[in-house]
Amino acid sequence: MNRVFVYGTLKKGHRNSHFMHGSEFLGNFTTHSIYSMYEFEDYPAVCLNGRHAIEGEVYRVNNRQFRMLDDLEWYPHFYQRIEIPTSFGDAWVYIVKLELCHGKKQIPGTWR
């Protein structure tokens, strides 16, 4: 089982939340203020080396769900994964390289 921190379309009530069906919702979490969030058309992406905290949700997912999330997030070709500490234990979060954020609108650490 893996823990995943989600901050965009996978959150409850958003268009890709159905991918989280069957996973265990552990709770809401806000990261340390070391990230930047950018708007990529109709979804957000997070980069390292910023000054914002990111608000999201932490889930426990099985291996099949984890592979489905990798496919959805175009891992490793677009998003990368890093582990971050959360109040629920270490969790994977999908981030992009800073170069991909050039020209994108920076937004606060809460997406919609």
PDB file of N, CA and C in Angstrom:
ATOM      1  N   MET A   1       0.849  -1.188   0.000  1.00  0.00           N
ATOM      2  CA  MET A   1       0.000   0.000   0.000  1.00  0.00           C
ATOM      3  C   MET A   1       0.889   1.244   0.000  1.00  0.00           C
ATOM      4  N   ASN A   2       0.435   2.254  -0.692  1.00  0.00           N
ATOM      5  CA  ASN A   2       1.157   3.521  -0.792  1.00  0.00           C
ATOM      6  C   ASN A   2       0.248   4.657  -0.340  1.00  0.00           C
ATOM      7  N   ARG A   3       0.850   5.679   0.225  1.00  0.00           N
ATOM      8  CA  ARG A   3       0.116   6.902   0.524  1.00  0.00           C
ATOM      9  C   ARG A   3       0.420   7.899  -0.585  1.00  0.00           C
ATOM     10  N   VAL A   4      -0.621   8.661  -0.969  1.00  0.00           N
ATOM     11  CA  VAL A   4      -0.495   9.651  -2.032  1.00  0.00           C
ATOM     12  C   VAL A   4      -1.123  10.955  -1.547  1.00  0.00           C
ATOM     13  N   PHE A   5      -0.404  12.052  -1.784  1.00  0.00           N
ATOM     14  CA  PHE A   5      -0.916  13.389  -1.495  1.00  0.00           C
ATOM     15  C   PHE A   5      -1.399  13.982  -2.812  1.00  0.00           C
ATOM     16  N   VAL A   6      -2.687  14.353  -2.885  1.00  0.00           N
ATOM     17  CA  VAL A   6      -3.258  14.917  -4.107  1.00  0.00           C
ATOM     18  C   VAL A   6      -3.686  16.352  -3.849  1.00  0.00           C
ATOM     19  N   TYR A   7      -3.552  17.205  -4.866  1.00  0.00           N
ATOM     20  CA  TYR A   7      -3.816  18.633  -4.665  1.00  0.00           C
ATOM     21  C   TYR A   7      -4.645  19.264  -5.779  1.00  0.00           C
ATOM     22  N   GLY A   8      -5.096  18.464  -6.741  1.00  0.00           N
ATOM     23  CA  GLY A   8      -5.803  19.033  -7.888  1.00  0.00           C
ATOM     24  C   GLY A   8      -7.040  18.243  -8.262  1.00  0.00           C
ATOM     25  N   THR A   9      -7.062  17.750  -9.486  1.00  0.00           N
ATOM     26  CA  THR A   9      -8.265  17.101 -10.018  1.00  0.00           C
ATOM     27  C   THR A   9      -8.606  15.784  -9.345  1.00  0.00           C
ATOM     28  N   LEU A  10      -7.695  15.239  -8.538  1.00  0.00           N
ATOM     29  CA  LEU A  10      -7.969  13.987  -7.831  1.00  0.00           C
ATOM     30  C   LEU A  10      -8.660  14.219  -6.484  1.00  0.00           C
ATOM     31  N   LYS A  11      -8.725  15.477  -6.039  1.00  0.00           N
ATOM     32  CA  LYS A  11      -9.379  15.776  -4.765  1.00  0.00           C
ATOM     33  C   LYS A  11     -10.882  15.519  -4.860  1.00  0.00           C
ATOM     34  N   LYS A  12     -11.493  15.305  -3.705  1.00  0.00           N
ATOM     35  CA  LYS A  12     -12.941  15.089  -3.628  1.00  0.00           C
ATOM     36  C   LYS A  12     -13.684  16.203  -4.361  1.00  0.00           C
ATOM     37  N   GLY A  13     -14.659  15.789  -5.157  1.00  0.00           N
ATOM     38  CA  GLY A  13     -15.498  16.743  -5.859  1.00  0.00           C
ATOM     39  C   GLY A  13     -14.939  17.255  -7.173  1.00  0.00           C
ATOM     40  N   HIS A  14     -13.744  16.828  -7.554  1.00  0.00           N
ATOM     41  CA  HIS A  14     -13.143  17.271  -8.811  1.00  0.00           C
ATOM     42  C   HIS A  14     -13.218  16.157  -9.846  1.00  0.00           C
ATOM     43  N   ARG A  15     -12.937  16.504 -11.091  1.00  0.00           N
ATOM     44  CA  ARG A  15     -13.269  15.616 -12.208  1.00  0.00           C
ATOM     45  C   ARG A  15     -12.569  14.256 -12.189  1.00  0.00           C
ATOM     46  N   ASN A  16     -11.416  14.131 -11.588  1.00  0.00           N
ATOM     47  CA  ASN A  16     -10.719  12.838 -11.558  1.00  0.00           C
ATOM     48  C   ASN A  16     -10.814  12.139 -10.202  1.00  0.00           C
ATOM     49  N   SER A  17     -11.695  12.624  -9.336  1.00  0.00           N
ATOM     50  CA  SER A  17     -11.811  12.015  -8.001  1.00  0.00           C
ATOM     51  C   SER A  17     -12.250  10.556  -8.075  1.00  0.00           C
ATOM     52  N   HIS A  18     -12.891  10.148  -9.176  1.00  0.00           N
ATOM     53  CA  HIS A  18     -13.315   8.752  -9.308  1.00  0.00           C
ATOM     54  C   HIS A  18     -12.119   7.792  -9.314  1.00  0.00           C
ATOM     55  N   PHE A  19     -10.921   8.290  -9.655  1.00  0.00           N
ATOM     56  CA  PHE A  19      -9.730   7.436  -9.597  1.00  0.00           C
ATOM     57  C   PHE A  19      -9.394   7.054  -8.157  1.00  0.00           C
ATOM     58  N   MET A  20      -9.907   7.814  -7.198  1.00  0.00           N
ATOM     59  CA  MET A  20      -9.622   7.541  -5.793  1.00  0.00           C
ATOM     60  C   MET A  20     -10.661   6.608  -5.177  1.00  0.00           C
ATOM     61  N   HIS A  21     -11.679   6.220  -5.949  1.00  0.00           N
ATOM     62  CA  HIS A  21     -12.710   5.311  -5.441  1.00  0.00           C
ATOM     63  C   HIS A  21     -12.068   4.008  -4.968  1.00  0.00           C
ATOM     64  N   GLY A  22     -12.402   3.595  -3.786  1.00  0.00           N
ATOM     65  CA  GLY A  22     -11.843   2.367  -3.228  1.00  0.00           C
ATOM     66  C   GLY A  22     -10.570   2.583  -2.436  1.00  0.00           C
ATOM     67  N   SER A  23     -10.030   3.785  -2.487  1.00  0.00           N
ATOM     68  CA  SER A  23      -8.847   4.075  -1.666  1.00  0.00           C
ATOM     69  C   SER A  23      -9.310   4.542  -0.289  1.00  0.00           C
ATOM     70  N   GLU A  24      -8.403   4.627   0.637  1.00  0.00           N
ATOM     71  CA  GLU A  24      -8.740   5.068   1.988  1.00  0.00           C
ATOM     72  C   GLU A  24      -8.343   6.532   2.156  1.00  0.00           C
ATOM     73  N   PHE A  25      -9.337   7.387   2.385  1.00  0.00           N
ATOM     74  CA  PHE A  25      -9.073   8.793   2.654  1.00  0.00           C
ATOM     75  C   PHE A  25      -8.505   8.910   4.058  1.00  0.00           C
ATOM     76  N   LEU A  26      -7.292   9.442   4.170  1.00  0.00           N
ATOM     77  CA  LEU A  26      -6.661   9.582   5.482  1.00  0.00           C
ATOM     78  C   LEU A  26      -6.904  10.953   6.092  1.00  0.00           C
ATOM     79  N   GLY A  27      -7.049  11.980   5.256  1.00  0.00           N
ATOM     80  CA  GLY A  27      -7.347  13.302   5.768  1.00  0.00           C
ATOM     81  C   GLY A  27      -6.750  14.407   4.928  1.00  0.00           C
ATOM     82  N   ASN A  28      -7.050  15.627   5.321  1.00  0.00           N
ATOM     83  CA  ASN A  28      -6.510  16.814   4.666  1.00  0.00           C
ATOM     84  C   ASN A  28      -5.124  17.102   5.212  1.00  0.00           C
ATOM     85  N   PHE A  29      -4.303  17.729   4.377  1.00  0.00           N
ATOM     86  CA  PHE A  29      -2.944  18.033   4.787  1.00  0.00           C
ATOM     87  C   PHE A  29      -2.451  19.261   4.034  1.00  0.00           C
ATOM     88  N   THR A  30      -1.637  20.062   4.695  1.00  0.00           N
ATOM     89  CA  THR A  30      -0.988  21.217   4.078  1.00  0.00           C
ATOM     90  C   THR A  30       0.518  21.038   4.209  1.00  0.00           C
ATOM     91  N   THR A  31       1.226  21.175   3.097  1.00  0.00           N
ATOM     92  CA  THR A  31       2.674  20.965   3.069  1.00  0.00           C
ATOM     93  C   THR A  31       3.413  22.139   3.703  1.00  0.00           C
ATOM     94  N   HIS A  32       4.705  21.989   3.829  1.00  0.00           N
ATOM     95  CA  HIS A  32       5.567  23.112   4.191  1.00  0.00           C
ATOM     96  C   HIS A  32       5.556  24.112   3.038  1.00  0.00           C
ATOM     97  N   SER A  33       5.984  25.329   3.301  1.00  0.00           N
ATOM     98  CA  SER A  33       5.967  26.409   2.298  1.00  0.00           C
ATOM     99  C   SER A  33       7.220  26.384   1.427  1.00  0.00           C
ATOM    100  N   ILE A  34       7.355  25.325   0.629  1.00  0.00           N
ATOM    101  CA  ILE A  34       8.558  25.177  -0.207  1.00  0.00           C
ATOM    102  C   ILE A  34       8.223  24.861  -1.667  1.00  0.00           C
ATOM    103  N   TYR A  35       6.970  25.093  -2.072  1.00  0.00           N
ATOM    104  CA  TYR A  35       6.519  24.722  -3.408  1.00  0.00           C
ATOM    105  C   TYR A  35       5.951  25.923  -4.149  1.00  0.00           C
ATOM    106  N   SER A  36       5.784  25.773  -5.433  1.00  0.00           N
ATOM    107  CA  SER A  36       5.044  26.710  -6.277  1.00  0.00           C
ATOM    108  C   SER A  36       3.986  25.910  -7.018  1.00  0.00           C
ATOM    109  N   MET A  37       2.814  26.504  -7.196  1.00  0.00           N
ATOM    110  CA  MET A  37       1.736  25.854  -7.939  1.00  0.00           C
ATOM    111  C   MET A  37       1.419  26.702  -9.171  1.00  0.00           C
ATOM    112  N   TYR A  38       1.232  26.019 -10.295  1.00  0.00           N
ATOM    113  CA  TYR A  38       0.959  26.690 -11.561  1.00  0.00           C
ATOM    114  C   TYR A  38      -0.292  26.112 -12.197  1.00  0.00           C
ATOM    115  N   GLU A  39      -0.983  26.955 -12.953  1.00  0.00           N
ATOM    116  CA  GLU A  39      -2.187  26.548 -13.670  1.00  0.00           C
ATOM    117  C   GLU A  39      -1.781  26.038 -15.049  1.00  0.00           C
ATOM    118  N   PHE A  40      -2.109  24.783 -15.325  1.00  0.00           N
ATOM    119  CA  PHE A  40      -1.878  24.170 -16.641  1.00  0.00           C
ATOM    120  C   PHE A  40      -3.261  23.941 -17.255  1.00  0.00           C
ATOM    121  N   GLU A  41      -3.776  24.945 -17.935  1.00  0.00           N
ATOM    122  CA  GLU A  41      -5.113  24.899 -18.524  1.00  0.00           C
ATOM    123  C   GLU A  41      -6.154  24.569 -17.464  1.00  0.00           C
ATOM    124  N   ASP A  42      -6.578  23.312 -17.347  1.00  0.00           N
ATOM    125  CA  ASP A  42      -7.645  22.987 -16.401  1.00  0.00           C
ATOM    126  C   ASP A  42      -7.177  22.059 -15.271  1.00  0.00           C
ATOM    127  N   TYR A  43      -5.911  22.109 -14.951  1.00  0.00           N
ATOM    128  CA  TYR A  43      -5.382  21.347 -13.819  1.00  0.00           C
ATOM    129  C   TYR A  43      -4.142  22.062 -13.292  1.00  0.00           C
ATOM    130  N   PRO A  44      -3.788  21.813 -12.026  1.00  0.00           N
ATOM    131  CA  PRO A  44      -2.598  22.445 -11.464  1.00  0.00           C
ATOM    132  C   PRO A  44      -1.387  21.518 -11.538  1.00  0.00           C
ATOM    133  N   ALA A  45      -0.234  22.126 -11.412  1.00  0.00           N
ATOM    134  CA  ALA A  45       1.010  21.362 -11.276  1.00  0.00           C
ATOM    135  C   ALA A  45       1.857  22.067 -10.220  1.00  0.00           C
ATOM    136  N   VAL A  46       2.579  21.283  -9.470  1.00  0.00           N
ATOM    137  CA  VAL A  46       3.416  21.800  -8.392  1.00  0.00           C
ATOM    138  C   VAL A  46       4.880  21.593  -8.738  1.00  0.00           C
ATOM    139  N   CYS A  47       5.689  22.598  -8.426  1.00  0.00           N
ATOM    140  CA  CYS A  47       7.140  22.543  -8.605  1.00  0.00           C
ATOM    141  C   CYS A  47       7.802  22.760  -7.257  1.00  0.00           C
ATOM    142  N   LEU A  48       9.017  22.252  -7.124  1.00  0.00           N
ATOM    143  CA  LEU A  48       9.829  22.533  -5.944  1.00  0.00           C
ATOM    144  C   LEU A  48      10.388  23.948  -6.033  1.00  0.00           C
ATOM    145  N   ASN A  49      11.027  24.379  -4.974  1.00  0.00           N
ATOM    146  CA  ASN A  49      11.725  25.664  -4.931  1.00  0.00           C
ATOM    147  C   ASN A  49      10.787  26.860  -4.977  1.00  0.00           C
ATOM    148  N   GLY A  50       9.730  26.806  -4.228  1.00  0.00           N
ATOM    149  CA  GLY A  50       8.816  27.935  -4.122  1.00  0.00           C
ATOM    150  C   GLY A  50       8.684  28.399  -2.689  1.00  0.00           C
ATOM    151  N   ARG A  51       7.647  29.178  -2.452  1.00  0.00           N
ATOM    152  CA  ARG A  51       7.416  29.707  -1.108  1.00  0.00           C
ATOM    153  C   ARG A  51       5.982  29.503  -0.648  1.00  0.00           C
ATOM    154  N   HIS A  52       5.257  28.588  -1.279  1.00  0.00           N
ATOM    155  CA  HIS A  52       3.867  28.365  -0.912  1.00  0.00           C
ATOM    156  C   HIS A  52       3.670  26.987  -0.287  1.00  0.00           C
ATOM    157  N   ALA A  53       2.735  26.931   0.635  1.00  0.00           N
ATOM    158  CA  ALA A  53       2.256  25.653   1.149  1.00  0.00           C
ATOM    159  C   ALA A  53       1.168  25.168   0.189  1.00  0.00           C
ATOM    160  N   ILE A  54       1.069  23.874   0.004  1.00  0.00           N
ATOM    161  CA  ILE A  54       0.073  23.287  -0.890  1.00  0.00           C
ATOM    162  C   ILE A  54      -0.953  22.538  -0.038  1.00  0.00           C
ATOM    163  N   GLU A  55      -2.220  22.850  -0.268  1.00  0.00           N
ATOM    164  CA  GLU A  55      -3.298  22.174   0.447  1.00  0.00           C
ATOM    165  C   GLU A  55      -3.816  21.018  -0.390  1.00  0.00           C
ATOM    166  N   GLY A  56      -4.039  19.887   0.266  1.00  0.00           N
ATOM    167  CA  GLY A  56      -4.540  18.734  -0.460  1.00  0.00           C
ATOM    168  C   GLY A  56      -5.066  17.665   0.469  1.00  0.00           C
ATOM    169  N   GLU A  57      -5.131  16.459  -0.056  1.00  0.00           N
ATOM    170  CA  GLU A  57      -5.683  15.314   0.659  1.00  0.00           C
ATOM    171  C   GLU A  57      -4.712  14.144   0.559  1.00  0.00           C
ATOM    172  N   VAL A  58      -4.695  13.328   1.598  1.00  0.00           N
ATOM    173  CA  VAL A  58      -3.827  12.149   1.618  1.00  0.00           C
ATOM    174  C   VAL A  58      -4.701  10.900   1.595  1.00  0.00           C
ATOM    175  N   TYR A  59      -4.321   9.962   0.728  1.00  0.00           N
ATOM    176  CA  TYR A  59      -5.038   8.695   0.563  1.00  0.00           C
ATOM    177  C   TYR A  59      -4.057   7.532   0.667  1.00  0.00           C
ATOM    178  N   ARG A  60      -4.588   6.396   1.080  1.00  0.00           N
ATOM    179  CA  ARG A  60      -3.849   5.141   0.993  1.00  0.00           C
ATOM    180  C   ARG A  60      -4.420   4.397  -0.212  1.00  0.00           C
ATOM    181  N   VAL A  61      -3.556   4.040  -1.158  1.00  0.00           N
ATOM    182  CA  VAL A  61      -3.992   3.372  -2.383  1.00  0.00           C
ATOM    183  C   VAL A  61      -3.272   2.030  -2.515  1.00  0.00           C
ATOM    184  N   ASN A  62      -3.934   1.094  -3.186  1.00  0.00           N
ATOM    185  CA  ASN A  62      -3.285  -0.195  -3.430  1.00  0.00           C
ATOM    186  C   ASN A  62      -2.377  -0.071  -4.657  1.00  0.00           C
ATOM    187  N   ASN A  63      -1.633  -1.111  -4.938  1.00  0.00           N
ATOM    188  CA  ASN A  63      -0.665  -1.066  -6.046  1.00  0.00           C
ATOM    189  C   ASN A  63      -1.327  -0.844  -7.402  1.00  0.00           C
ATOM    190  N   ARG A  64      -2.494  -1.427  -7.628  1.00  0.00           N
ATOM    191  CA  ARG A  64      -3.211  -1.236  -8.890  1.00  0.00           C
ATOM    192  C   ARG A  64      -3.610   0.230  -9.057  1.00  0.00           C
ATOM    193  N   GLN A  65      -4.147   0.827  -8.014  1.00  0.00           N
ATOM    194  CA  GLN A  65      -4.524   2.244  -8.067  1.00  0.00           C
ATOM    195  C   GLN A  65      -3.295   3.127  -8.278  1.00  0.00           C
ATOM    196  N   PHE A  66      -2.197   2.767  -7.628  1.00  0.00           N
ATOM    197  CA  PHE A  66      -0.968   3.552  -7.760  1.00  0.00           C
ATOM    198  C   PHE A  66      -0.489   3.554  -9.211  1.00  0.00           C
ATOM    199  N   ARG A  67      -0.550   2.403  -9.875  1.00  0.00           N
ATOM    200  CA  ARG A  67      -0.180   2.322 -11.299  1.00  0.00           C
ATOM    201  C   ARG A  67      -1.146   3.135 -12.161  1.00  0.00           C
ATOM    202  N   MET A  68      -2.440   3.116 -11.822  1.00  0.00           N
ATOM    203  CA  MET A  68      -3.418   3.916 -12.563  1.00  0.00           C
ATOM    204  C   MET A  68      -3.126   5.407 -12.401  1.00  0.00           C
ATOM    205  N   LEU A  69      -2.742   5.825 -11.198  1.00  0.00           N
ATOM    206  CA  LEU A  69      -2.396   7.228 -10.977  1.00  0.00           C
ATOM    207  C   LEU A  69      -1.151   7.604 -11.772  1.00  0.00           C
ATOM    208  N   ASP A  70      -0.164   6.709 -11.802  1.00  0.00           N
ATOM    209  CA  ASP A  70       1.025   6.957 -12.622  1.00  0.00           C
ATOM    210  C   ASP A  70       0.646   7.178 -14.085  1.00  0.00           C
ATOM    211  N   ASP A  71      -0.256   6.355 -14.605  1.00  0.00           N
ATOM    212  CA  ASP A  71      -0.703   6.507 -15.991  1.00  0.00           C
ATOM    213  C   ASP A  71      -1.432   7.837 -16.183  1.00  0.00           C
ATOM    214  N   LEU A  72      -2.342   8.159 -15.282  1.00  0.00           N
ATOM    215  CA  LEU A  72      -3.097   9.406 -15.365  1.00  0.00           C
ATOM    216  C   LEU A  72      -2.168  10.619 -15.347  1.00  0.00           C
ATOM    217  N   GLU A  73      -1.148  10.557 -14.518  1.00  0.00           N
ATOM    218  CA  GLU A  73      -0.241  11.698 -14.340  1.00  0.00           C
ATOM    219  C   GLU A  73       0.939  11.664 -15.312  1.00  0.00           C
ATOM    220  N   TRP A  74       0.919  10.780 -16.294  1.00  0.00           N
ATOM    221  CA  TRP A  74       1.972  10.675 -17.311  1.00  0.00           C
ATOM    222  C   TRP A  74       3.347  10.516 -16.667  1.00  0.00           C
ATOM    223  N   TYR A  75       3.385   9.730 -15.617  1.00  0.00           N
ATOM    224  CA  TYR A  75       4.651   9.455 -14.923  1.00  0.00           C
ATOM    225  C   TYR A  75       5.413   8.409 -15.716  1.00  0.00           C
ATOM    226  N   PRO A  76       6.661   8.580 -15.971  1.00  0.00           N
ATOM    227  CA  PRO A  76       7.585   9.625 -15.531  1.00  0.00           C
ATOM    228  C   PRO A  76       7.860  10.683 -16.599  1.00  0.00           C
ATOM    229  N   HIS A  77       7.054  10.741 -17.640  1.00  0.00           N
ATOM    230  CA  HIS A  77       7.341  11.618 -18.772  1.00  0.00           C
ATOM    231  C   HIS A  77       6.948  13.070 -18.536  1.00  0.00           C
ATOM    232  N   PHE A  78       5.922  13.315 -17.725  1.00  0.00           N
ATOM    233  CA  PHE A  78       5.517  14.682 -17.412  1.00  0.00           C
ATOM    234  C   PHE A  78       5.700  14.940 -15.921  1.00  0.00           C
ATOM    235  N   TYR A  79       4.912  14.272 -15.115  1.00  0.00           N
ATOM    236  CA  TYR A  79       5.066  14.392 -13.667  1.00  0.00           C
ATOM    237  C   TYR A  79       6.157  13.460 -13.174  1.00  0.00           C
ATOM    238  N   GLN A  80       6.826  13.895 -12.126  1.00  0.00           N
ATOM    239  CA  GLN A  80       7.755  13.064 -11.378  1.00  0.00           C
ATOM    240  C   GLN A  80       7.096  12.793 -10.024  1.00  0.00           C
ATOM    241  N   ARG A  81       7.594  11.845  -9.291  1.00  0.00           N
ATOM    242  CA  ARG A  81       7.079  11.568  -7.946  1.00  0.00           C
ATOM    243  C   ARG A  81       8.172  11.806  -6.931  1.00  0.00           C
ATOM    244  N   ILE A  82       7.808  12.439  -5.820  1.00  0.00           N
ATOM    245  CA  ILE A  82       8.711  12.528  -4.679  1.00  0.00           C
ATOM    246  C   ILE A  82       7.903  12.156  -3.433  1.00  0.00           C
ATOM    247  N   GLU A  83       8.602  11.694  -2.423  1.00  0.00           N
ATOM    248  CA  GLU A  83       7.937  11.415  -1.154  1.00  0.00           C
ATOM    249  C   GLU A  83       8.092  12.616  -0.243  1.00  0.00           C
ATOM    250  N   ILE A  84       6.996  12.974   0.412  1.00  0.00           N
ATOM    251  CA  ILE A  84       7.026  14.081   1.359  1.00  0.00           C
ATOM    252  C   ILE A  84       6.487  13.597   2.699  1.00  0.00           C
ATOM    253  N   PRO A  85       6.930  14.225   3.785  1.00  0.00           N
ATOM    254  CA  PRO A  85       6.370  13.869   5.084  1.00  0.00           C
ATOM    255  C   PRO A  85       4.980  14.491   5.242  1.00  0.00           C
ATOM    256  N   THR A  86       4.044  13.719   5.751  1.00  0.00           N
ATOM    257  CA  THR A  86       2.722  14.241   6.089  1.00  0.00           C
ATOM    258  C   THR A  86       2.395  13.784   7.503  1.00  0.00           C
ATOM    259  N   SER A  87       1.324  14.298   8.037  1.00  0.00           N
ATOM    260  CA  SER A  87       0.905  13.875   9.372  1.00  0.00           C
ATOM    261  C   SER A  87       0.370  12.441   9.370  1.00  0.00           C
ATOM    262  N   PHE A  88       0.244  11.838   8.193  1.00  0.00           N
ATOM    263  CA  PHE A  88      -0.222  10.456   8.053  1.00  0.00           C
ATOM    264  C   PHE A  88       0.905   9.511   7.660  1.00  0.00           C
ATOM    265  N   GLY A  89       2.128  10.002   7.668  1.00  0.00           N
ATOM    266  CA  GLY A  89       3.285   9.248   7.212  1.00  0.00           C
ATOM    267  C   GLY A  89       3.730   9.773   5.856  1.00  0.00           C
ATOM    268  N   ASP A  90       4.857   9.286   5.372  1.00  0.00           N
ATOM    269  CA  ASP A  90       5.362   9.730   4.075  1.00  0.00           C
ATOM    270  C   ASP A  90       4.362   9.386   2.976  1.00  0.00           C
ATOM    271  N   ALA A  91       4.211  10.318   2.034  1.00  0.00           N
ATOM    272  CA  ALA A  91       3.270  10.123   0.921  1.00  0.00           C
ATOM    273  C   ALA A  91       3.932  10.591  -0.365  1.00  0.00           C
ATOM    274  N   TRP A  92       3.549   9.949  -1.454  1.00  0.00           N
ATOM    275  CA  TRP A  92       4.021  10.357  -2.775  1.00  0.00           C
ATOM    276  C   TRP A  92       3.220  11.556  -3.241  1.00  0.00           C
ATOM    277  N   VAL A  93       3.880  12.482  -3.921  1.00  0.00           N
ATOM    278  CA  VAL A  93       3.218  13.621  -4.552  1.00  0.00           C
ATOM    279  C   VAL A  93       3.792  13.767  -5.958  1.00  0.00           C
ATOM    280  N   TYR A  94       2.925  14.123  -6.884  1.00  0.00           N
ATOM    281  CA  TYR A  94       3.351  14.316  -8.273  1.00  0.00           C
ATOM    282  C   TYR A  94       3.736  15.779  -8.472  1.00  0.00           C
ATOM    283  N   ILE A  95       4.942  15.995  -8.982  1.00  0.00           N
ATOM    284  CA  ILE A  95       5.448  17.338  -9.241  1.00  0.00           C
ATOM    285  C   ILE A  95       5.987  17.387 -10.670  1.00  0.00           C
ATOM    286  N   VAL A  96       6.200  18.593 -11.177  1.00  0.00           N
ATOM    287  CA  VAL A  96       6.816  18.758 -12.488  1.00  0.00           C
ATOM    288  C   VAL A  96       8.109  19.541 -12.338  1.00  0.00           C
ATOM    289  N   LYS A  97       8.958  19.431 -13.339  1.00  0.00           N
ATOM    290  CA  LYS A  97      10.205  20.209 -13.348  1.00  0.00           C
ATOM    291  C   LYS A  97       9.872  21.678 -13.560  1.00  0.00           C
ATOM    292  N   LEU A  98      10.638  22.539 -12.935  1.00  0.00           N
ATOM    293  CA  LEU A  98      10.398  23.974 -12.993  1.00  0.00           C
ATOM    294  C   LEU A  98      10.360  24.501 -14.429  1.00  0.00           C
ATOM    295  N   GLU A  99      11.176  23.939 -15.329  1.00  0.00           N
ATOM    296  CA  GLU A  99      11.196  24.400 -16.720  1.00  0.00           C
ATOM    297  C   GLU A  99       9.818  24.313 -17.373  1.00  0.00           C
ATOM    298  N   LEU A 100       9.030  23.320 -16.987  1.00  0.00           N
ATOM    299  CA  LEU A 100       7.707  23.144 -17.582  1.00  0.00           C
ATOM    300  C   LEU A 100       6.722  24.213 -17.120  1.00  0.00           C
ATOM    301  N   CYS A 101       7.067  24.943 -16.066  1.00  0.00           N
ATOM    302  CA  CYS A 101       6.171  25.953 -15.509  1.00  0.00           C
ATOM    303  C   CYS A 101       6.388  27.331 -16.101  1.00  0.00           C
ATOM    304  N   HIS A 102       7.456  27.525 -16.856  1.00  0.00           N
ATOM    305  CA  HIS A 102       7.725  28.829 -17.458  1.00  0.00           C
ATOM    306  C   HIS A 102       6.565  29.239 -18.358  1.00  0.00           C
ATOM    307  N   GLY A 103       6.109  30.462 -18.168  1.00  0.00           N
ATOM    308  CA  GLY A 103       5.009  30.983 -18.957  1.00  0.00           C
ATOM    309  C   GLY A 103       3.634  30.627 -18.423  1.00  0.00           C
ATOM    310  N   LYS A 104       3.576  29.809 -17.384  1.00  0.00           N
ATOM    311  CA  LYS A 104       2.299  29.422 -16.781  1.00  0.00           C
ATOM    312  C   LYS A 104       1.971  30.396 -15.652  1.00  0.00           C
ATOM    313  N   LYS A 105       0.697  30.553 -15.371  1.00  0.00           N
ATOM    314  CA  LYS A 105       0.239  31.431 -14.297  1.00  0.00           C
ATOM    315  C   LYS A 105       0.482  30.764 -12.947  1.00  0.00           C
ATOM    316  N   GLN A 106       1.210  31.455 -12.067  1.00  0.00           N
ATOM    317  CA  GLN A 106       1.409  30.926 -10.722  1.00  0.00           C
ATOM    318  C   GLN A 106       0.166  31.224  -9.896  1.00  0.00           C
ATOM    319  N   ILE A 107      -0.257  30.253  -9.129  1.00  0.00           N
ATOM    320  CA  ILE A 107      -1.456  30.406  -8.294  1.00  0.00           C
ATOM    321  C   ILE A 107      -1.095  30.051  -6.855  1.00  0.00           C
ATOM    322  N   PRO A 108      -1.922  30.512  -5.895  1.00  0.00           N
ATOM    323  CA  PRO A 108      -1.659  30.139  -4.485  1.00  0.00           C
ATOM    324  C   PRO A 108      -1.735  28.628  -4.312  1.00  0.00           C
ATOM    325  N   GLY A 109      -1.401  28.153  -3.150  1.00  0.00           N
ATOM    326  CA  GLY A 109      -1.297  26.728  -2.889  1.00  0.00           C
ATOM    327  C   GLY A 109      -2.595  25.980  -2.727  1.00  0.00           C
ATOM    328  N   THR A 110      -3.719  26.605  -3.058  1.00  0.00           N
ATOM    329  CA  THR A 110      -5.008  25.924  -3.015  1.00  0.00           C
ATOM    330  C   THR A 110      -5.626  25.998  -4.394  1.00  0.00           C
ATOM    331  N   TRP A 111      -5.927  24.833  -4.959  1.00  0.00           N
ATOM    332  CA  TRP A 111      -6.525  24.801  -6.286  1.00  0.00           C
ATOM    333  C   TRP A 111      -8.039  24.642  -6.162  1.00  0.00           C
ATOM    334  N   ARG A 112      -8.738  25.616  -6.673  1.00  0.00           N
ATOM    335  CA  ARG A 112     -10.207  25.673  -6.713  1.00  0.00           C
ATOM    336  C   ARG A 112     -10.828  25.198  -5.442  1.00  0.00           C
TER     337      ARG A 112
END
